[in-house]
Amino acid sequence: MPHIDLGSDLPGLPALLAYRPETAGPLRALAEALLRGPGPLSTGERELIAAYVSELNGCGFCAGSHGACAAELLADDAVLGQVTADLDAAPVTPRLRALLRLAEAVQRGGTAVTPELVAAAKSAGAGDREIHDAILIAAAFCMYNRYVDGLATTAPADPGAYAMMARGLVTGGYA
């Protein structure tokens, strides 16, 4: 049960966006720019970074919704679970693995991003823009996760609900 009366039965971030429409626009625009805007990372890769950070943060709603988006966009229902269980053995490219390592570091704290992690990402084929975007996605999702869980929003128990949300996000975006 949410810590405050949000005035709706919506789950997770949608409940918070409905509660404060004046902050909904900027939050949606940020998610749209990070996850759908132009850039060298595919939308599936960006969704996977968001879902992975959300999983590390224990944010069930964001991990579920963005994990479902990543699964649909990458055509792999198991990818988030595999990345979370064993990133070294997960079926992702070395470049994406290195970017996910950067996201892990950001999740622990910004100063956990070391020159060695950045060098490893570059060695794996990531450019400056990909490194920038992975770090910004990770940082933003730490904020989104804390917003969603800090107000104790609800999260659907049915994985099918996340798949339905994902279809809407994949086709309609966040804006």
N, C-alpha and C. Protein backbone atom coordinates (compact mmCIF):
# COMPACT_ATOMS: atom_id res chain seq x y z
N MET A 1 0.85 -1.18 0.00
CA MET A 1 0.00 0.00 0.00
C MET A 1 0.89 1.25 0.00
N PRO A 2 0.61 2.18 -0.91
CA PRO A 2 1.44 3.39 -0.99
C PRO A 2 1.45 4.16 0.33
N HIS A 3 2.53 4.86 0.56
CA HIS A 3 2.67 5.66 1.79
C HIS A 3 1.73 6.85 1.83
N ILE A 4 1.32 7.34 0.66
CA ILE A 4 0.38 8.46 0.59
C ILE A 4 -0.77 8.07 -0.33
N ASP A 5 -1.87 8.78 -0.23
CA ASP A 5 -3.02 8.53 -1.11
C ASP A 5 -2.72 9.12 -2.49
N LEU A 6 -2.49 8.24 -3.45
CA LEU A 6 -2.15 8.68 -4.80
C LEU A 6 -3.39 8.93 -5.66
N GLY A 7 -4.56 8.62 -5.13
CA GLY A 7 -5.79 8.93 -5.83
C GLY A 7 -6.12 8.03 -7.00
N SER A 8 -5.42 6.91 -7.12
CA SER A 8 -5.74 5.97 -8.20
C SER A 8 -5.25 4.59 -7.82
N ASP A 9 -5.69 3.61 -8.61
CA ASP A 9 -5.23 2.23 -8.42
C ASP A 9 -4.12 1.87 -9.40
N LEU A 10 -3.57 2.84 -10.08
CA LEU A 10 -2.50 2.57 -11.03
C LEU A 10 -1.28 2.05 -10.28
N PRO A 11 -0.49 1.19 -10.92
CA PRO A 11 0.73 0.70 -10.27
C PRO A 11 1.93 1.60 -10.56
N GLY A 12 2.97 1.47 -9.74
CA GLY A 12 4.28 2.03 -10.01
C GLY A 12 4.31 3.46 -10.47
N LEU A 13 5.20 3.74 -11.41
CA LEU A 13 5.40 5.09 -11.90
C LEU A 13 4.14 5.73 -12.49
N PRO A 14 3.29 4.99 -13.22
CA PRO A 14 2.07 5.63 -13.73
C PRO A 14 1.22 6.27 -12.62
N ALA A 15 1.18 5.66 -11.44
CA ALA A 15 0.43 6.24 -10.33
C ALA A 15 1.03 7.58 -9.92
N LEU A 16 2.36 7.65 -9.89
CA LEU A 16 3.03 8.88 -9.48
C LEU A 16 2.91 9.96 -10.54
N LEU A 17 2.94 9.57 -11.80
CA LEU A 17 2.78 10.54 -12.88
C LEU A 17 1.37 11.13 -12.87
N ALA A 18 0.39 10.30 -12.57
CA ALA A 18 -0.99 10.79 -12.47
C ALA A 18 -1.17 11.70 -11.26
N TYR A 19 -0.48 11.40 -10.19
CA TYR A 19 -0.59 12.19 -8.96
C TYR A 19 0.00 13.59 -9.13
N ARG A 20 1.11 13.70 -9.83
CA ARG A 20 1.77 15.00 -10.03
C ARG A 20 1.96 15.26 -11.51
N PRO A 21 0.88 15.63 -12.23
CA PRO A 21 0.99 15.85 -13.66
C PRO A 21 2.05 16.89 -14.05
N GLU A 22 2.31 17.85 -13.19
CA GLU A 22 3.29 18.89 -13.52
C GLU A 22 4.73 18.35 -13.54
N THR A 23 4.98 17.24 -12.86
CA THR A 23 6.31 16.61 -12.94
C THR A 23 6.30 15.44 -13.92
N ALA A 24 5.12 15.00 -14.31
CA ALA A 24 5.01 13.86 -15.23
C ALA A 24 5.66 14.16 -16.58
N GLY A 25 5.44 15.36 -17.10
CA GLY A 25 5.99 15.72 -18.42
C GLY A 25 7.50 15.61 -18.46
N PRO A 26 8.21 16.26 -17.55
CA PRO A 26 9.67 16.14 -17.57
C PRO A 26 10.17 14.71 -17.33
N LEU A 27 9.52 13.97 -16.45
CA LEU A 27 9.95 12.59 -16.19
C LEU A 27 9.73 11.71 -17.42
N ARG A 28 8.59 11.88 -18.08
CA ARG A 28 8.32 11.14 -19.31
C ARG A 28 9.31 11.54 -20.42
N ALA A 29 9.57 12.83 -20.54
CA ALA A 29 10.49 13.31 -21.58
C ALA A 29 11.90 12.76 -21.36
N LEU A 30 12.32 12.68 -20.11
CA LEU A 30 13.63 12.12 -19.81
C LEU A 30 13.68 10.65 -20.22
N ALA A 31 12.67 9.89 -19.84
CA ALA A 31 12.63 8.46 -20.21
C ALA A 31 12.60 8.30 -21.73
N GLU A 32 11.84 9.12 -22.40
CA GLU A 32 11.76 9.06 -23.87
C GLU A 32 13.13 9.34 -24.49
N ALA A 33 13.80 10.39 -24.02
CA ALA A 33 15.11 10.73 -24.57
C ALA A 33 16.13 9.63 -24.30
N LEU A 34 16.12 9.10 -23.10
CA LEU A 34 17.11 8.08 -22.74
C LEU A 34 16.87 6.74 -23.42
N LEU A 35 15.61 6.34 -23.49
CA LEU A 35 15.30 4.99 -23.95
C LEU A 35 14.85 4.91 -25.40
N ARG A 36 14.43 6.02 -25.98
CA ARG A 36 13.92 5.98 -27.35
C ARG A 36 14.58 6.97 -28.29
N GLY A 37 15.27 7.95 -27.74
CA GLY A 37 15.87 8.99 -28.57
C GLY A 37 17.00 8.46 -29.43
N PRO A 38 17.49 9.29 -30.33
CA PRO A 38 18.59 8.85 -31.19
C PRO A 38 19.83 8.53 -30.37
N GLY A 39 20.58 7.56 -30.83
CA GLY A 39 21.81 7.19 -30.16
C GLY A 39 22.33 5.87 -30.67
N PRO A 40 23.57 5.55 -30.31
CA PRO A 40 24.19 4.34 -30.83
C PRO A 40 23.70 3.04 -30.18
N LEU A 41 23.09 3.12 -29.02
CA LEU A 41 22.56 1.91 -28.37
C LEU A 41 21.16 1.62 -28.90
N SER A 42 20.88 0.36 -29.13
CA SER A 42 19.52 0.00 -29.56
C SER A 42 18.55 0.24 -28.42
N THR A 43 17.28 0.37 -28.75
CA THR A 43 16.29 0.55 -27.69
C THR A 43 16.26 -0.67 -26.77
N GLY A 44 16.46 -1.85 -27.30
CA GLY A 44 16.51 -3.05 -26.47
C GLY A 44 17.67 -3.02 -25.50
N GLU A 45 18.84 -2.57 -25.96
CA GLU A 45 19.99 -2.47 -25.07
C GLU A 45 19.73 -1.45 -23.97
N ARG A 46 19.14 -0.33 -24.34
CA ARG A 46 18.84 0.70 -23.34
C ARG A 46 17.83 0.21 -22.32
N GLU A 47 16.80 -0.48 -22.80
CA GLU A 47 15.81 -1.04 -21.87
C GLU A 47 16.45 -2.07 -20.95
N LEU A 48 17.38 -2.86 -21.48
CA LEU A 48 18.05 -3.86 -20.65
C LEU A 48 18.89 -3.18 -19.56
N ILE A 49 19.57 -2.11 -19.89
CA ILE A 49 20.34 -1.37 -18.88
C ILE A 49 19.39 -0.86 -17.80
N ALA A 50 18.27 -0.26 -18.20
CA ALA A 50 17.29 0.24 -17.23
C ALA A 50 16.75 -0.88 -16.36
N ALA A 51 16.42 -2.00 -16.96
CA ALA A 51 15.87 -3.14 -16.22
C ALA A 51 16.90 -3.73 -15.28
N TYR A 52 18.15 -3.83 -15.73
CA TYR A 52 19.21 -4.41 -14.90
C TYR A 52 19.47 -3.55 -13.66
N VAL A 53 19.57 -2.25 -13.85
CA VAL A 53 19.75 -1.35 -12.70
C VAL A 53 18.56 -1.45 -11.76
N SER A 54 17.36 -1.52 -12.32
CA SER A 54 16.16 -1.65 -11.49
C SER A 54 16.17 -2.95 -10.72
N GLU A 55 16.63 -4.01 -11.35
CA GLU A 55 16.76 -5.31 -10.67
C GLU A 55 17.77 -5.20 -9.54
N LEU A 56 18.92 -4.60 -9.80
CA LEU A 56 19.94 -4.42 -8.76
C LEU A 56 19.41 -3.59 -7.59
N ASN A 57 18.55 -2.62 -7.91
CA ASN A 57 17.96 -1.77 -6.87
C ASN A 57 16.78 -2.44 -6.17
N GLY A 58 16.36 -3.60 -6.66
CA GLY A 58 15.22 -4.29 -6.05
C GLY A 58 13.89 -3.63 -6.34
N CYS A 59 13.80 -2.87 -7.41
CA CYS A 59 12.55 -2.19 -7.77
C CYS A 59 11.75 -3.11 -8.70
N GLY A 60 10.83 -3.86 -8.13
CA GLY A 60 10.07 -4.84 -8.89
C GLY A 60 9.28 -4.25 -10.03
N PHE A 61 8.65 -3.10 -9.82
CA PHE A 61 7.84 -2.52 -10.87
C PHE A 61 8.71 -2.14 -12.08
N CYS A 62 9.79 -1.40 -11.85
CA CYS A 62 10.63 -0.96 -12.97
C CYS A 62 11.38 -2.12 -13.61
N ALA A 63 11.85 -3.07 -12.80
CA ALA A 63 12.51 -4.24 -13.38
C ALA A 63 11.53 -5.03 -14.22
N GLY A 64 10.31 -5.18 -13.75
CA GLY A 64 9.29 -5.92 -14.50
C GLY A 64 8.90 -5.24 -15.79
N SER A 65 8.63 -3.94 -15.73
CA SER A 65 8.17 -3.26 -16.94
C SER A 65 9.30 -3.09 -17.96
N HIS A 66 10.48 -2.68 -17.52
CA HIS A 66 11.57 -2.49 -18.48
C HIS A 66 12.20 -3.82 -18.89
N GLY A 67 12.13 -4.81 -18.01
CA GLY A 67 12.57 -6.15 -18.40
C GLY A 67 11.69 -6.72 -19.49
N ALA A 68 10.39 -6.47 -19.39
CA ALA A 68 9.47 -6.94 -20.43
C ALA A 68 9.72 -6.19 -21.74
N CYS A 69 10.04 -4.90 -21.67
CA CYS A 69 10.37 -4.14 -22.88
C CYS A 69 11.64 -4.71 -23.52
N ALA A 70 12.66 -4.94 -22.69
CA ALA A 70 13.91 -5.50 -23.22
C ALA A 70 13.66 -6.86 -23.85
N ALA A 71 12.87 -7.69 -23.19
CA ALA A 71 12.58 -9.02 -23.72
C ALA A 71 11.92 -8.92 -25.10
N GLU A 72 10.96 -8.02 -25.24
CA GLU A 72 10.27 -7.87 -26.52
C GLU A 72 11.19 -7.30 -27.60
N LEU A 73 11.94 -6.28 -27.24
CA LEU A 73 12.81 -5.63 -28.23
C LEU A 73 14.00 -6.48 -28.63
N LEU A 74 14.51 -7.29 -27.69
CA LEU A 74 15.66 -8.15 -27.99
C LEU A 74 15.24 -9.56 -28.38
N ALA A 75 13.92 -9.80 -28.40
CA ALA A 75 13.37 -11.11 -28.75
C ALA A 75 13.99 -12.22 -27.89
N ASP A 76 14.09 -11.94 -26.58
CA ASP A 76 14.68 -12.90 -25.65
C ASP A 76 14.04 -12.72 -24.28
N ASP A 77 13.09 -13.60 -23.96
CA ASP A 77 12.37 -13.50 -22.69
C ASP A 77 13.25 -13.75 -21.48
N ALA A 78 14.38 -14.39 -21.66
CA ALA A 78 15.21 -14.78 -20.52
C ALA A 78 16.40 -13.85 -20.29
N VAL A 79 16.62 -12.86 -21.14
CA VAL A 79 17.87 -12.10 -21.09
C VAL A 79 18.09 -11.39 -19.76
N LEU A 80 17.07 -10.75 -19.18
CA LEU A 80 17.28 -10.04 -17.92
C LEU A 80 17.65 -11.02 -16.81
N GLY A 81 16.97 -12.14 -16.75
CA GLY A 81 17.30 -13.14 -15.74
C GLY A 81 18.71 -13.67 -15.90
N GLN A 82 19.12 -13.86 -17.14
CA GLN A 82 20.48 -14.36 -17.39
C GLN A 82 21.53 -13.32 -17.03
N VAL A 83 21.28 -12.07 -17.36
CA VAL A 83 22.21 -10.99 -17.03
C VAL A 83 22.31 -10.84 -15.52
N THR A 84 21.18 -10.90 -14.85
CA THR A 84 21.15 -10.74 -13.40
C THR A 84 21.81 -11.92 -12.70
N ALA A 85 21.59 -13.13 -13.19
CA ALA A 85 22.14 -14.33 -12.55
C ALA A 85 23.65 -14.44 -12.74
N ASP A 86 24.14 -14.13 -13.94
CA ASP A 86 25.57 -14.28 -14.22
C ASP A 86 25.92 -13.45 -15.45
N LEU A 87 26.28 -12.21 -15.23
CA LEU A 87 26.56 -11.31 -16.34
C LEU A 87 27.66 -11.85 -17.25
N ASP A 88 28.66 -12.51 -16.67
CA ASP A 88 29.76 -13.02 -17.48
C ASP A 88 29.31 -14.11 -18.46
N ALA A 89 28.28 -14.88 -18.10
CA ALA A 89 27.81 -15.97 -18.96
C ALA A 89 26.58 -15.58 -19.78
N ALA A 90 26.04 -14.40 -19.54
CA ALA A 90 24.81 -13.98 -20.23
C ALA A 90 25.05 -13.82 -21.73
N PRO A 91 24.02 -14.09 -22.54
CA PRO A 91 24.16 -14.00 -23.99
C PRO A 91 24.05 -12.56 -24.51
N VAL A 92 25.02 -11.74 -24.12
CA VAL A 92 25.08 -10.36 -24.60
C VAL A 92 26.48 -10.14 -25.19
N THR A 93 26.61 -9.12 -26.01
CA THR A 93 27.90 -8.82 -26.62
C THR A 93 28.88 -8.34 -25.56
N PRO A 94 30.17 -8.48 -25.81
CA PRO A 94 31.15 -7.94 -24.87
C PRO A 94 30.97 -6.43 -24.62
N ARG A 95 30.59 -5.69 -25.66
CA ARG A 95 30.34 -4.25 -25.52
C ARG A 95 29.21 -3.99 -24.54
N LEU A 96 28.08 -4.71 -24.71
CA LEU A 96 26.95 -4.51 -23.81
C LEU A 96 27.30 -4.98 -22.40
N ARG A 97 28.02 -6.07 -22.29
CA ARG A 97 28.44 -6.56 -20.96
C ARG A 97 29.26 -5.48 -20.23
N ALA A 98 30.18 -4.84 -20.95
CA ALA A 98 31.00 -3.79 -20.35
C ALA A 98 30.15 -2.58 -19.95
N LEU A 99 29.16 -2.25 -20.77
CA LEU A 99 28.26 -1.15 -20.42
C LEU A 99 27.40 -1.50 -19.21
N LEU A 100 26.97 -2.75 -19.12
CA LEU A 100 26.22 -3.19 -17.95
C LEU A 100 27.09 -3.15 -16.69
N ARG A 101 28.37 -3.41 -16.83
CA ARG A 101 29.31 -3.29 -15.70
C ARG A 101 29.38 -1.83 -15.24
N LEU A 102 29.40 -0.91 -16.20
CA LEU A 102 29.36 0.51 -15.83
C LEU A 102 28.06 0.84 -15.11
N ALA A 103 26.95 0.29 -15.59
CA ALA A 103 25.65 0.53 -14.94
C ALA A 103 25.66 -0.01 -13.51
N GLU A 104 26.25 -1.18 -13.30
CA GLU A 104 26.40 -1.74 -11.95
C GLU A 104 27.14 -0.77 -11.04
N ALA A 105 28.23 -0.21 -11.56
CA ALA A 105 29.03 0.72 -10.77
C ALA A 105 28.21 1.95 -10.41
N VAL A 106 27.48 2.50 -11.37
CA VAL A 106 26.65 3.68 -11.10
C VAL A 106 25.61 3.34 -10.03
N GLN A 107 25.05 2.14 -10.09
CA GLN A 107 24.04 1.74 -9.11
C GLN A 107 24.64 1.75 -7.69
N ARG A 108 25.91 1.41 -7.58
CA ARG A 108 26.58 1.44 -6.27
C ARG A 108 26.90 2.86 -5.84
N GLY A 109 27.16 3.73 -6.81
CA GLY A 109 27.50 5.12 -6.55
C GLY A 109 28.36 5.65 -7.68
N GLY A 110 28.21 6.91 -8.01
CA GLY A 110 28.91 7.47 -9.15
C GLY A 110 30.42 7.31 -9.10
N THR A 111 30.99 7.41 -7.91
CA THR A 111 32.44 7.29 -7.82
C THR A 111 32.92 5.86 -7.98
N ALA A 112 32.00 4.90 -8.04
CA ALA A 112 32.39 3.51 -8.30
C ALA A 112 32.74 3.29 -9.77
N VAL A 113 32.41 4.26 -10.63
CA VAL A 113 32.81 4.19 -12.04
C VAL A 113 34.28 4.56 -12.10
N THR A 114 35.10 3.60 -12.46
CA THR A 114 36.55 3.80 -12.46
C THR A 114 37.09 3.95 -13.88
N PRO A 115 38.29 4.51 -13.99
CA PRO A 115 38.92 4.57 -15.31
C PRO A 115 39.08 3.18 -15.93
N GLU A 116 39.28 2.18 -15.09
CA GLU A 116 39.43 0.81 -15.60
C GLU A 116 38.14 0.29 -16.23
N LEU A 117 37.00 0.59 -15.60
CA LEU A 117 35.71 0.17 -16.17
C LEU A 117 35.46 0.88 -17.50
N VAL A 118 35.78 2.16 -17.57
CA VAL A 118 35.60 2.93 -18.81
C VAL A 118 36.54 2.38 -19.88
N ALA A 119 37.78 2.10 -19.51
CA ALA A 119 38.74 1.54 -20.48
C ALA A 119 38.27 0.18 -20.97
N ALA A 120 37.71 -0.63 -20.08
CA ALA A 120 37.20 -1.94 -20.48
C ALA A 120 36.05 -1.79 -21.47
N ALA A 121 35.18 -0.81 -21.24
CA ALA A 121 34.08 -0.58 -22.17
C ALA A 121 34.61 -0.14 -23.54
N LYS A 122 35.60 0.73 -23.53
CA LYS A 122 36.18 1.17 -24.80
C LYS A 122 36.87 0.01 -25.52
N SER A 123 37.56 -0.82 -24.76
CA SER A 123 38.23 -2.00 -25.35
C SER A 123 37.22 -2.97 -25.95
N ALA A 124 36.02 -2.99 -25.39
CA ALA A 124 34.97 -3.88 -25.89
C ALA A 124 34.21 -3.26 -27.06
N GLY A 125 34.59 -2.05 -27.46
CA GLY A 125 33.97 -1.44 -28.63
C GLY A 125 32.99 -0.32 -28.35
N ALA A 126 32.83 0.07 -27.09
CA ALA A 126 31.90 1.16 -26.77
C ALA A 126 32.57 2.50 -27.03
N GLY A 127 31.82 3.39 -27.63
CA GLY A 127 32.29 4.75 -27.85
C GLY A 127 31.89 5.65 -26.70
N ASP A 128 32.37 6.88 -26.76
CA ASP A 128 32.08 7.84 -25.69
C ASP A 128 30.58 8.05 -25.49
N ARG A 129 29.82 8.14 -26.59
CA ARG A 129 28.38 8.37 -26.47
C ARG A 129 27.70 7.18 -25.80
N GLU A 130 28.10 5.96 -26.14
CA GLU A 130 27.51 4.78 -25.51
C GLU A 130 27.83 4.74 -24.02
N ILE A 131 29.05 5.08 -23.67
CA ILE A 131 29.43 5.13 -22.25
C ILE A 131 28.62 6.19 -21.53
N HIS A 132 28.54 7.37 -22.11
CA HIS A 132 27.73 8.45 -21.53
C HIS A 132 26.30 8.00 -21.32
N ASP A 133 25.69 7.45 -22.38
CA ASP A 133 24.27 7.09 -22.30
C ASP A 133 24.02 5.97 -21.30
N ALA A 134 24.90 4.98 -21.23
CA ALA A 134 24.72 3.89 -20.26
C ALA A 134 24.78 4.43 -18.84
N ILE A 135 25.72 5.33 -18.58
CA ILE A 135 25.84 5.90 -17.24
C ILE A 135 24.63 6.77 -16.91
N LEU A 136 24.16 7.55 -17.87
CA LEU A 136 22.99 8.40 -17.61
C LEU A 136 21.73 7.57 -17.41
N ILE A 137 21.55 6.52 -18.21
CA ILE A 137 20.39 5.64 -18.01
C ILE A 137 20.44 5.03 -16.62
N ALA A 138 21.60 4.53 -16.22
CA ALA A 138 21.73 3.92 -14.90
C ALA A 138 21.42 4.93 -13.79
N ALA A 139 21.96 6.13 -13.91
CA ALA A 139 21.73 7.16 -12.90
C ALA A 139 20.25 7.54 -12.83
N ALA A 140 19.64 7.72 -13.99
CA ALA A 140 18.22 8.09 -14.03
C ALA A 140 17.35 6.99 -13.43
N PHE A 141 17.69 5.74 -13.72
CA PHE A 141 16.86 4.67 -13.19
C PHE A 141 17.05 4.45 -11.70
N CYS A 142 18.20 4.84 -11.18
CA CYS A 142 18.32 4.84 -9.72
C CYS A 142 17.31 5.83 -9.14
N MET A 143 17.17 7.00 -9.78
CA MET A 143 16.20 8.00 -9.33
C MET A 143 14.76 7.49 -9.51
N TYR A 144 14.42 6.97 -10.68
CA TYR A 144 13.07 6.45 -10.90
C TYR A 144 12.76 5.34 -9.89
N ASN A 145 13.70 4.43 -9.66
CA ASN A 145 13.48 3.32 -8.73
C ASN A 145 13.21 3.84 -7.33
N ARG A 146 13.97 4.81 -6.90
CA ARG A 146 13.80 5.35 -5.55
C ARG A 146 12.48 6.11 -5.42
N TYR A 147 12.06 6.75 -6.48
CA TYR A 147 10.77 7.45 -6.50
C TYR A 147 9.63 6.43 -6.37
N VAL A 148 9.67 5.39 -7.18
CA VAL A 148 8.63 4.35 -7.18
C VAL A 148 8.58 3.63 -5.83
N ASP A 149 9.73 3.20 -5.33
CA ASP A 149 9.76 2.44 -4.07
C ASP A 149 9.70 3.33 -2.85
N GLY A 150 10.20 4.56 -2.96
CA GLY A 150 10.17 5.47 -1.82
C GLY A 150 8.76 5.84 -1.40
N LEU A 151 7.83 5.80 -2.35
CA LEU A 151 6.43 6.05 -2.02
C LEU A 151 5.62 4.76 -1.96
N ALA A 152 6.33 3.62 -2.00
CA ALA A 152 5.70 2.30 -1.83
C ALA A 152 4.55 2.07 -2.79
N THR A 153 4.76 2.42 -4.07
CA THR A 153 3.71 2.16 -5.06
C THR A 153 3.50 0.66 -5.21
N THR A 154 2.40 0.30 -5.78
CA THR A 154 2.10 -1.11 -5.97
C THR A 154 2.74 -1.62 -7.26
N ALA A 155 2.91 -2.92 -7.32
CA ALA A 155 3.48 -3.56 -8.51
C ALA A 155 2.63 -4.78 -8.83
N PRO A 156 2.27 -4.98 -10.09
CA PRO A 156 1.49 -6.16 -10.45
C PRO A 156 2.26 -7.45 -10.14
N ALA A 157 1.55 -8.44 -9.65
CA ALA A 157 2.17 -9.74 -9.39
C ALA A 157 2.20 -10.60 -10.66
N ASP A 158 1.32 -10.30 -11.59
CA ASP A 158 1.18 -11.09 -12.82
C ASP A 158 2.19 -10.60 -13.87
N PRO A 159 3.12 -11.47 -14.30
CA PRO A 159 4.08 -11.07 -15.34
C PRO A 159 3.40 -10.64 -16.63
N GLY A 160 2.20 -11.14 -16.88
CA GLY A 160 1.46 -10.75 -18.07
C GLY A 160 1.12 -9.27 -18.08
N ALA A 161 0.96 -8.67 -16.91
CA ALA A 161 0.68 -7.23 -16.84
C ALA A 161 1.87 -6.44 -17.37
N TYR A 162 3.09 -6.90 -17.07
CA TYR A 162 4.27 -6.21 -17.56
C TYR A 162 4.42 -6.37 -19.06
N ALA A 163 4.09 -7.54 -19.57
CA ALA A 163 4.15 -7.76 -21.02
C ALA A 163 3.18 -6.82 -21.73
N MET A 164 2.01 -6.62 -21.14
CA MET A 164 1.03 -5.71 -21.72
C MET A 164 1.54 -4.26 -21.69
N MET A 165 2.14 -3.86 -20.55
CA MET A 165 2.72 -2.52 -20.46
C MET A 165 3.83 -2.36 -21.50
N ALA A 166 4.64 -3.40 -21.64
CA ALA A 166 5.76 -3.34 -22.58
C ALA A 166 5.28 -3.12 -24.00
N ARG A 167 4.23 -3.79 -24.39
CA ARG A 167 3.72 -3.60 -25.76
C ARG A 167 3.35 -2.14 -25.98
N GLY A 168 2.72 -1.52 -25.00
CA GLY A 168 2.36 -0.11 -25.13
C GLY A 168 3.57 0.80 -25.18
N LEU A 169 4.57 0.51 -24.35
CA LEU A 169 5.78 1.33 -24.34
C LEU A 169 6.60 1.15 -25.60
N VAL A 170 6.69 -0.09 -26.08
CA VAL A 170 7.48 -0.36 -27.29
C VAL A 170 6.87 0.32 -28.50
N THR A 171 5.56 0.33 -28.58
CA THR A 171 4.91 0.96 -29.75
C THR A 171 4.67 2.46 -29.55
N GLY A 172 4.37 2.88 -28.32
CA GLY A 172 4.01 4.29 -28.10
C GLY A 172 5.06 5.15 -27.44
N GLY A 173 6.07 4.53 -26.84
CA GLY A 173 7.10 5.30 -26.17
C GLY A 173 6.64 5.83 -24.82
N TYR A 174 7.37 6.78 -24.32
CA TYR A 174 7.16 7.32 -22.97
C TYR A 174 6.56 8.71 -22.95
N ALA A 175 6.66 9.44 -24.05
CA ALA A 175 6.21 10.83 -24.06
C ALA A 175 4.70 10.96 -24.08
